[in-house]
Amino acid sequence: MLAVIKKELKGYFLSPIGYIFIGLFLIMMSLIFSSEILNYYRTNNFEYIFFSGATVLTFVIPVITMRAFSEERKNGTEQLLVTSPLSLTKIVIAKFIAATIVVVITEICTLLYFAVLSYFSMPNIPIALCTLLGFLLLAMAYISFGIFASSITENQIVAFVITVGFFIASWFLPRVSSIFDNFSLINIFSGFPYGQINIADTVTMISFTVLCLILTIIVLQRRKSIQ
């Protein structure tokens, strides 16, 4: 499994994909930090940038997930992947871990904003840590769905559109009916920047992540059986 993780990380950082993801995310977060935190709110609340940052994830996470399996199918290497000695479960988890590592690196970069705010006055560290945890859980949930979307198509653009479309739909469904409240990952995340680690919300995001990974494994297993 470690070999697959290394392969995926090389794919991210020996190509523009990883740098595009990190660059896009940090550019957008820097604009939010400059316009909202420094100029508008004039506050040292580090967690405020992640309210808008959660929206940013919607459009940048598909950049690193759209190629997860669709590229393998397009290049004809998927058959080698599904027939390798490594189980499909380990392959899916390895790709998920690699994408998560890219997000963790990006999240570490956001500590620069914390450092800037600390120059003026120290932000609330427990709330900042809680926010970073919630943001990571949200990113992991998004990654898992993005990988699933990539597994059902060989076209990276289609995988991108499916992923973004699902995320945007999850914003608006709760407005249609309260039944969909638990399907809005951003709504679930919104408690973390207030320093609230809700067990139910945490379990929901982890469960969503696991469910999407399981669905991806099922899709690959069915394709393997057909081959």
C-alpha atoms as a PDB file:
ATOM      1  CA  MET A   1       0.000   0.000   0.000  1.00  0.00           C
ATOM      2  CA  LEU A   2       2.927   2.325   0.740  1.00  0.00           C
ATOM      3  CA  ALA A   3       4.092   1.900  -2.853  1.00  0.00           C
ATOM      4  CA  VAL A   4       0.723   3.135  -4.172  1.00  0.00           C
ATOM      5  CA  ILE A   5       0.797   6.118  -1.812  1.00  0.00           C
ATOM      6  CA  LYS A   6       4.274   7.045  -3.039  1.00  0.00           C
ATOM      7  CA  LYS A   7       3.159   6.603  -6.661  1.00  0.00           C
ATOM      8  CA  GLU A   8       0.182   8.881  -6.120  1.00  0.00           C
ATOM      9  CA  LEU A   9       2.237  11.536  -4.323  1.00  0.00           C
ATOM     10  CA  LYS A  10       4.756  11.494  -7.175  1.00  0.00           C
ATOM     11  CA  GLY A  11       1.833  11.901  -9.574  1.00  0.00           C
ATOM     12  CA  TYR A  12       0.749  15.000  -7.654  1.00  0.00           C
ATOM     13  CA  PHE A  13       4.130  16.647  -7.204  1.00  0.00           C
ATOM     14  CA  LEU A  14       5.951  15.569 -10.371  1.00  0.00           C
ATOM     15  CA  SER A  15       3.084  17.071 -12.352  1.00  0.00           C
ATOM     16  CA  PRO A  16       1.308  20.433 -12.020  1.00  0.00           C
ATOM     17  CA  ILE A  17      -1.748  18.907 -10.269  1.00  0.00           C
ATOM     18  CA  GLY A  18      -0.513  19.142  -6.684  1.00  0.00           C
ATOM     19  CA  TYR A  19       0.902  22.630  -7.167  1.00  0.00           C
ATOM     20  CA  ILE A  20      -2.245  23.837  -8.918  1.00  0.00           C
ATOM     21  CA  PHE A  21      -4.351  22.587  -6.011  1.00  0.00           C
ATOM     22  CA  ILE A  22      -2.146  24.157  -3.329  1.00  0.00           C
ATOM     23  CA  GLY A  23      -1.717  27.365  -5.337  1.00  0.00           C
ATOM     24  CA  LEU A  24      -5.418  27.826  -6.069  1.00  0.00           C
ATOM     25  CA  PHE A  25      -6.395  27.118  -2.495  1.00  0.00           C
ATOM     26  CA  LEU A  26      -3.832  29.492  -0.965  1.00  0.00           C
ATOM     27  CA  ILE A  27      -4.594  32.270  -3.454  1.00  0.00           C
ATOM     28  CA  MET A  28      -8.301  32.099  -2.626  1.00  0.00           C
ATOM     29  CA  MET A  29      -7.644  31.841   1.113  1.00  0.00           C
ATOM     30  CA  SER A  30      -5.240  34.787   0.944  1.00  0.00           C
ATOM     31  CA  LEU A  31      -7.888  36.901  -0.762  1.00  0.00           C
ATOM     32  CA  ILE A  32     -10.377  35.931   1.952  1.00  0.00           C
ATOM     33  CA  PHE A  33      -7.812  36.628   4.672  1.00  0.00           C
ATOM     34  CA  SER A  34      -6.927  40.030   3.250  1.00  0.00           C
ATOM     35  CA  SER A  35     -10.420  41.255   2.410  1.00  0.00           C
ATOM     36  CA  GLU A  36     -12.478  39.799   5.242  1.00  0.00           C
ATOM     37  CA  ILE A  37     -10.158  39.329   8.217  1.00  0.00           C
ATOM     38  CA  LEU A  38      -7.712  42.228   7.902  1.00  0.00           C
ATOM     39  CA  ASN A  39      -9.893  44.840   6.212  1.00  0.00           C
ATOM     40  CA  TYR A  40     -13.551  44.078   6.937  1.00  0.00           C
ATOM     41  CA  TYR A  41     -13.791  42.297  10.285  1.00  0.00           C
ATOM     42  CA  ARG A  42     -10.452  43.594  11.623  1.00  0.00           C
ATOM     43  CA  THR A  43     -10.269  40.637  13.960  1.00  0.00           C
ATOM     44  CA  ASN A  44      -7.668  38.106  15.105  1.00  0.00           C
ATOM     45  CA  ASN A  45     -10.114  35.211  14.777  1.00  0.00           C
ATOM     46  CA  PHE A  46      -8.081  32.777  12.684  1.00  0.00           C
ATOM     47  CA  GLU A  47     -11.075  30.478  12.295  1.00  0.00           C
ATOM     48  CA  TYR A  48     -13.088  33.076  10.342  1.00  0.00           C
ATOM     49  CA  ILE A  49     -11.240  32.401   7.078  1.00  0.00           C
ATOM     50  CA  PHE A  50     -12.358  28.778   7.148  1.00  0.00           C
ATOM     51  CA  PHE A  51     -16.039  29.677   6.869  1.00  0.00           C
ATOM     52  CA  SER A  52     -15.334  30.849   3.318  1.00  0.00           C
ATOM     53  CA  GLY A  53     -12.519  28.318   2.989  1.00  0.00           C
ATOM     54  CA  ALA A  54     -15.061  25.507   3.190  1.00  0.00           C
ATOM     55  CA  THR A  55     -16.654  26.888   0.038  1.00  0.00           C
ATOM     56  CA  VAL A  56     -13.251  27.061  -1.637  1.00  0.00           C
ATOM     57  CA  LEU A  57     -12.809  23.317  -1.027  1.00  0.00           C
ATOM     58  CA  THR A  58     -15.850  22.653  -3.190  1.00  0.00           C
ATOM     59  CA  PHE A  59     -14.008  23.825  -6.280  1.00  0.00           C
ATOM     60  CA  VAL A  60     -10.418  22.767  -5.546  1.00  0.00           C
ATOM     61  CA  ILE A  61     -10.812  19.253  -4.108  1.00  0.00           C
ATOM     62  CA  PRO A  62     -11.977  17.873  -7.506  1.00  0.00           C
ATOM     63  CA  VAL A  63      -8.653  19.038  -8.952  1.00  0.00           C
ATOM     64  CA  ILE A  64      -6.824  16.289  -7.049  1.00  0.00           C
ATOM     65  CA  THR A  65      -9.551  13.624  -7.096  1.00  0.00           C
ATOM     66  CA  MET A  66     -10.782  13.739 -10.701  1.00  0.00           C
ATOM     67  CA  ARG A  67      -7.775  11.756 -11.932  1.00  0.00           C
ATOM     68  CA  ALA A  68      -7.796   9.092  -9.183  1.00  0.00           C
ATOM     69  CA  PHE A  69      -9.340   6.284 -11.271  1.00  0.00           C
ATOM     70  CA  SER A  70     -10.603   7.979 -14.417  1.00  0.00           C
ATOM     71  CA  GLU A  71      -7.025   8.499 -15.578  1.00  0.00           C
ATOM     72  CA  GLU A  72      -6.275   4.805 -14.969  1.00  0.00           C
ATOM     73  CA  ARG A  73      -9.227   3.825 -17.174  1.00  0.00           C
ATOM     74  CA  LYS A  74      -8.343   6.326 -19.881  1.00  0.00           C
ATOM     75  CA  ASN A  75      -4.698   5.191 -20.024  1.00  0.00           C
ATOM     76  CA  GLY A  76      -5.649   1.514 -19.941  1.00  0.00           C
ATOM     77  CA  THR A  77      -3.771   0.891 -16.683  1.00  0.00           C
ATOM     78  CA  GLU A  78      -6.857   0.151 -14.610  1.00  0.00           C
ATOM     79  CA  GLN A  79      -6.754  -3.546 -15.481  1.00  0.00           C
ATOM     80  CA  LEU A  80      -3.193  -3.771 -14.174  1.00  0.00           C
ATOM     81  CA  LEU A  81      -4.366  -2.024 -11.032  1.00  0.00           C
ATOM     82  CA  VAL A  82      -7.343  -4.275 -10.308  1.00  0.00           C
ATOM     83  CA  THR A  83      -5.364  -7.446 -11.051  1.00  0.00           C
ATOM     84  CA  SER A  84      -2.369  -6.480  -8.909  1.00  0.00           C
ATOM     85  CA  PRO A  85      -1.540  -8.513  -5.775  1.00  0.00           C
ATOM     86  CA  LEU A  86      -2.695  -5.571  -3.679  1.00  0.00           C
ATOM     87  CA  SER A  87      -6.369  -5.715  -2.726  1.00  0.00           C
ATOM     88  CA  LEU A  88      -8.772  -3.142  -4.150  1.00  0.00           C
ATOM     89  CA  THR A  89      -9.501  -1.953  -0.622  1.00  0.00           C
ATOM     90  CA  LYS A  90      -5.840  -1.098  -0.044  1.00  0.00           C
ATOM     91  CA  ILE A  91      -5.570   0.595  -3.433  1.00  0.00           C
ATOM     92  CA  VAL A  92      -8.574   2.822  -2.734  1.00  0.00           C
ATOM     93  CA  ILE A  93      -7.351   3.653   0.776  1.00  0.00           C
ATOM     94  CA  ALA A  94      -3.852   4.402  -0.551  1.00  0.00           C
ATOM     95  CA  LYS A  95      -5.214   6.855  -3.117  1.00  0.00           C
ATOM     96  CA  PHE A  96      -7.376   8.431  -0.415  1.00  0.00           C
ATOM     97  CA  ILE A  97      -4.421   8.791   1.966  1.00  0.00           C
ATOM     98  CA  ALA A  98      -2.237  10.348  -0.747  1.00  0.00           C
ATOM     99  CA  ALA A  99      -4.882  12.979  -1.556  1.00  0.00           C
ATOM    100  CA  THR A 100      -5.388  13.635   2.161  1.00  0.00           C
ATOM    101  CA  ILE A 101      -1.644  14.200   2.601  1.00  0.00           C
ATOM    102  CA  VAL A 102      -1.796  16.905  -0.078  1.00  0.00           C
ATOM    103  CA  VAL A 103      -4.629  18.584   1.846  1.00  0.00           C
ATOM    104  CA  VAL A 104      -2.727  18.304   5.143  1.00  0.00           C
ATOM    105  CA  ILE A 105       0.298  20.003   3.541  1.00  0.00           C
ATOM    106  CA  THR A 106      -2.010  22.754   2.320  1.00  0.00           C
ATOM    107  CA  GLU A 107      -3.603  23.112   5.745  1.00  0.00           C
ATOM    108  CA  ILE A 108      -0.171  23.460   7.332  1.00  0.00           C
ATOM    109  CA  CYS A 109       0.499  26.319   4.903  1.00  0.00           C
ATOM    110  CA  THR A 110      -2.562  28.154   6.289  1.00  0.00           C
ATOM    111  CA  LEU A 111      -0.729  28.457   9.615  1.00  0.00           C
ATOM    112  CA  LEU A 112       0.993  31.406   7.961  1.00  0.00           C
ATOM    113  CA  TYR A 113      -2.259  33.331   8.500  1.00  0.00           C
ATOM    114  CA  PHE A 114      -2.188  32.282  12.148  1.00  0.00           C
ATOM    115  CA  ALA A 115       1.360  33.637  12.418  1.00  0.00           C
ATOM    116  CA  VAL A 116       0.332  36.970  10.876  1.00  0.00           C
ATOM    117  CA  LEU A 117      -2.568  37.337  13.309  1.00  0.00           C
ATOM    118  CA  SER A 118      -0.333  36.328  16.220  1.00  0.00           C
ATOM    119  CA  TYR A 119       1.867  39.336  15.452  1.00  0.00           C
ATOM    120  CA  PHE A 120      -1.018  41.602  16.477  1.00  0.00           C
ATOM    121  CA  SER A 121      -2.601  39.450  19.218  1.00  0.00           C
ATOM    122  CA  MET A 122      -2.724  35.738  19.907  1.00  0.00           C
ATOM    123  CA  PRO A 123      -5.767  33.975  18.377  1.00  0.00           C
ATOM    124  CA  ASN A 124      -7.705  31.428  20.415  1.00  0.00           C
ATOM    125  CA  ILE A 125      -5.562  28.301  20.010  1.00  0.00           C
ATOM    126  CA  PRO A 126      -8.170  25.658  21.084  1.00  0.00           C
ATOM    127  CA  ILE A 127     -10.735  27.096  18.655  1.00  0.00           C
ATOM    128  CA  ALA A 128      -8.100  27.264  15.903  1.00  0.00           C
ATOM    129  CA  LEU A 129      -7.214  23.595  16.438  1.00  0.00           C
ATOM    130  CA  CYS A 130     -10.899  22.633  16.489  1.00  0.00           C
ATOM    131  CA  THR A 131     -11.404  24.506  13.210  1.00  0.00           C
ATOM    132  CA  LEU A 132      -8.432  22.785  11.566  1.00  0.00           C
ATOM    133  CA  LEU A 133      -9.773  19.388  12.690  1.00  0.00           C
ATOM    134  CA  GLY A 134     -13.222  20.098  11.275  1.00  0.00           C
ATOM    135  CA  PHE A 135     -11.720  21.410   8.055  1.00  0.00           C
ATOM    136  CA  LEU A 136      -9.654  18.249   7.658  1.00  0.00           C
ATOM    137  CA  LEU A 137     -12.718  16.047   8.263  1.00  0.00           C
ATOM    138  CA  LEU A 138     -14.650  18.058   5.669  1.00  0.00           C
ATOM    139  CA  ALA A 139     -11.791  17.749   3.176  1.00  0.00           C
ATOM    140  CA  MET A 140     -11.597  13.983   3.758  1.00  0.00           C
ATOM    141  CA  ALA A 141     -15.327  13.635   3.119  1.00  0.00           C
ATOM    142  CA  TYR A 142     -14.982  15.643  -0.084  1.00  0.00           C
ATOM    143  CA  ILE A 143     -11.951  13.616  -1.192  1.00  0.00           C
ATOM    144  CA  SER A 144     -13.776  10.330  -0.672  1.00  0.00           C
ATOM    145  CA  PHE A 145     -16.695  11.463  -2.835  1.00  0.00           C
ATOM    146  CA  GLY A 146     -14.334  12.837  -5.470  1.00  0.00           C
ATOM    147  CA  ILE A 147     -12.559   9.477  -5.666  1.00  0.00           C
ATOM    148  CA  PHE A 148     -15.914   7.716  -5.983  1.00  0.00           C
ATOM    149  CA  ALA A 149     -16.946  10.064  -8.807  1.00  0.00           C
ATOM    150  CA  SER A 150     -13.636   9.352 -10.527  1.00  0.00           C
ATOM    151  CA  SER A 151     -14.243   5.600 -10.299  1.00  0.00           C
ATOM    152  CA  ILE A 152     -17.476   5.715 -12.303  1.00  0.00           C
ATOM    153  CA  THR A 153     -16.136   7.542 -15.361  1.00  0.00           C
ATOM    154  CA  GLU A 154     -13.015   7.585 -17.500  1.00  0.00           C
ATOM    155  CA  ASN A 155     -13.370  11.290 -18.237  1.00  0.00           C
ATOM    156  CA  GLN A 156     -11.663  13.561 -15.717  1.00  0.00           C
ATOM    157  CA  ILE A 157     -13.825  16.545 -16.647  1.00  0.00           C
ATOM    158  CA  VAL A 158     -16.990  14.523 -16.054  1.00  0.00           C
ATOM    159  CA  ALA A 159     -15.604  13.411 -12.669  1.00  0.00           C
ATOM    160  CA  PHE A 160     -14.873  17.071 -11.844  1.00  0.00           C
ATOM    161  CA  VAL A 161     -18.384  18.197 -12.813  1.00  0.00           C
ATOM    162  CA  ILE A 162     -20.071  15.358 -10.871  1.00  0.00           C
ATOM    163  CA  THR A 163     -18.055  16.188  -7.761  1.00  0.00           C
ATOM    164  CA  VAL A 164     -18.647  19.941  -7.878  1.00  0.00           C
ATOM    165  CA  GLY A 165     -22.305  19.413  -8.778  1.00  0.00           C
ATOM    166  CA  PHE A 166     -22.862  17.167  -5.763  1.00  0.00           C
ATOM    167  CA  PHE A 167     -21.161  19.605  -3.397  1.00  0.00           C
ATOM    168  CA  ILE A 168     -23.166  22.570  -4.675  1.00  0.00           C
ATOM    169  CA  ALA A 169     -26.406  20.556  -4.482  1.00  0.00           C
ATOM    170  CA  SER A 170     -25.605  19.733  -0.854  1.00  0.00           C
ATOM    171  CA  TRP A 171     -25.556  23.470  -0.087  1.00  0.00           C
ATOM    172  CA  PHE A 172     -29.088  24.056  -1.328  1.00  0.00           C
ATOM    173  CA  LEU A 173     -30.929  20.835  -0.465  1.00  0.00           C
ATOM    174  CA  PRO A 174     -31.396  21.846   3.219  1.00  0.00           C
ATOM    175  CA  ARG A 175     -33.229  24.947   1.971  1.00  0.00           C
ATOM    176  CA  VAL A 176     -35.669  22.669   0.155  1.00  0.00           C
ATOM    177  CA  SER A 177     -36.343  20.477   3.172  1.00  0.00           C
ATOM    178  CA  SER A 178     -34.863  20.016   6.649  1.00  0.00           C
ATOM    179  CA  ILE A 179     -34.656  16.296   5.818  1.00  0.00           C
ATOM    180  CA  PHE A 180     -31.494  17.102   3.886  1.00  0.00           C
ATOM    181  CA  ASP A 181     -29.735  18.873   6.773  1.00  0.00           C
ATOM    182  CA  ASN A 182     -27.517  15.863   7.420  1.00  0.00           C
ATOM    183  CA  PHE A 183     -26.463  15.800   3.760  1.00  0.00           C
ATOM    184  CA  SER A 184     -24.958  19.284   3.857  1.00  0.00           C
ATOM    185  CA  LEU A 185     -21.358  18.741   4.873  1.00  0.00           C
ATOM    186  CA  ILE A 186     -20.695  22.485   5.045  1.00  0.00           C
ATOM    187  CA  ASN A 187     -23.559  22.907   7.519  1.00  0.00           C
ATOM    188  CA  ILE A 188     -22.116  20.071   9.586  1.00  0.00           C
ATOM    189  CA  PHE A 189     -18.686  21.724   9.501  1.00  0.00           C
ATOM    190  CA  SER A 190     -20.039  25.121  10.589  1.00  0.00           C
ATOM    191  CA  GLY A 191     -19.955  24.232  14.285  1.00  0.00           C
ATOM    192  CA  PHE A 192     -16.193  23.589  14.380  1.00  0.00           C
ATOM    193  CA  PRO A 193     -15.105  27.227  13.858  1.00  0.00           C
ATOM    194  CA  TYR A 194     -17.079  28.039  17.015  1.00  0.00           C
ATOM    195  CA  GLY A 195     -14.994  25.539  18.973  1.00  0.00           C
ATOM    196  CA  GLN A 196     -17.786  22.953  19.069  1.00  0.00           C
ATOM    197  CA  ILE A 197     -16.760  19.357  18.455  1.00  0.00           C
ATOM    198  CA  ASN A 198     -20.122  17.672  18.105  1.00  0.00           C
ATOM    199  CA  ILE A 199     -19.808  13.881  18.271  1.00  0.00           C
ATOM    200  CA  ALA A 200     -22.792  13.345  15.988  1.00  0.00           C
ATOM    201  CA  ASP A 201     -21.392  15.722  13.351  1.00  0.00           C
ATOM    202  CA  THR A 202     -17.953  14.128  13.557  1.00  0.00           C
ATOM    203  CA  VAL A 203     -19.417  10.641  13.177  1.00  0.00           C
ATOM    204  CA  THR A 204     -21.545  11.818  10.234  1.00  0.00           C
ATOM    205  CA  MET A 205     -18.547  13.137   8.304  1.00  0.00           C
ATOM    206  CA  ILE A 206     -16.457  10.055   9.052  1.00  0.00           C
ATOM    207  CA  SER A 207     -19.369   7.783   8.085  1.00  0.00           C
ATOM    208  CA  PHE A 208     -19.847   9.677   4.819  1.00  0.00           C
ATOM    209  CA  THR A 209     -16.147   9.273   4.062  1.00  0.00           C
ATOM    210  CA  VAL A 210     -16.195   5.537   4.762  1.00  0.00           C
ATOM    211  CA  LEU A 211     -19.405   5.073   2.737  1.00  0.00           C
ATOM    212  CA  CYS A 212     -17.929   6.744  -0.353  1.00  0.00           C
ATOM    213  CA  LEU A 213     -14.760   4.656  -0.098  1.00  0.00           C
ATOM    214  CA  ILE A 214     -16.844   1.481   0.208  1.00  0.00           C
ATOM    215  CA  LEU A 215     -18.913   2.475  -2.849  1.00  0.00           C
ATOM    216  CA  THR A 216     -15.683   3.045  -4.782  1.00  0.00           C
ATOM    217  CA  ILE A 217     -14.444  -0.424  -3.829  1.00  0.00           C
ATOM    218  CA  ILE A 218     -17.770  -1.952  -4.916  1.00  0.00           C
ATOM    219  CA  VAL A 219     -17.584  -0.183  -8.304  1.00  0.00           C
ATOM    220  CA  LEU A 220     -14.042  -1.472  -8.882  1.00  0.00           C
ATOM    221  CA  GLN A 221     -14.925  -4.999  -7.765  1.00  0.00           C
ATOM    222  CA  ARG A 222     -17.853  -5.135 -10.192  1.00  0.00           C
ATOM    223  CA  ARG A 223     -15.641  -3.899 -13.001  1.00  0.00           C
ATOM    224  CA  LYS A 224     -13.009  -6.464 -12.066  1.00  0.00           C
ATOM    225  CA  SER A 225     -15.563  -9.295 -12.145  1.00  0.00           C
ATOM    226  CA  ILE A 226     -16.699  -8.195 -15.611  1.00  0.00           C
ATOM    227  CA  GLN A 227     -13.133  -8.234 -16.895  1.00  0.00           C
END
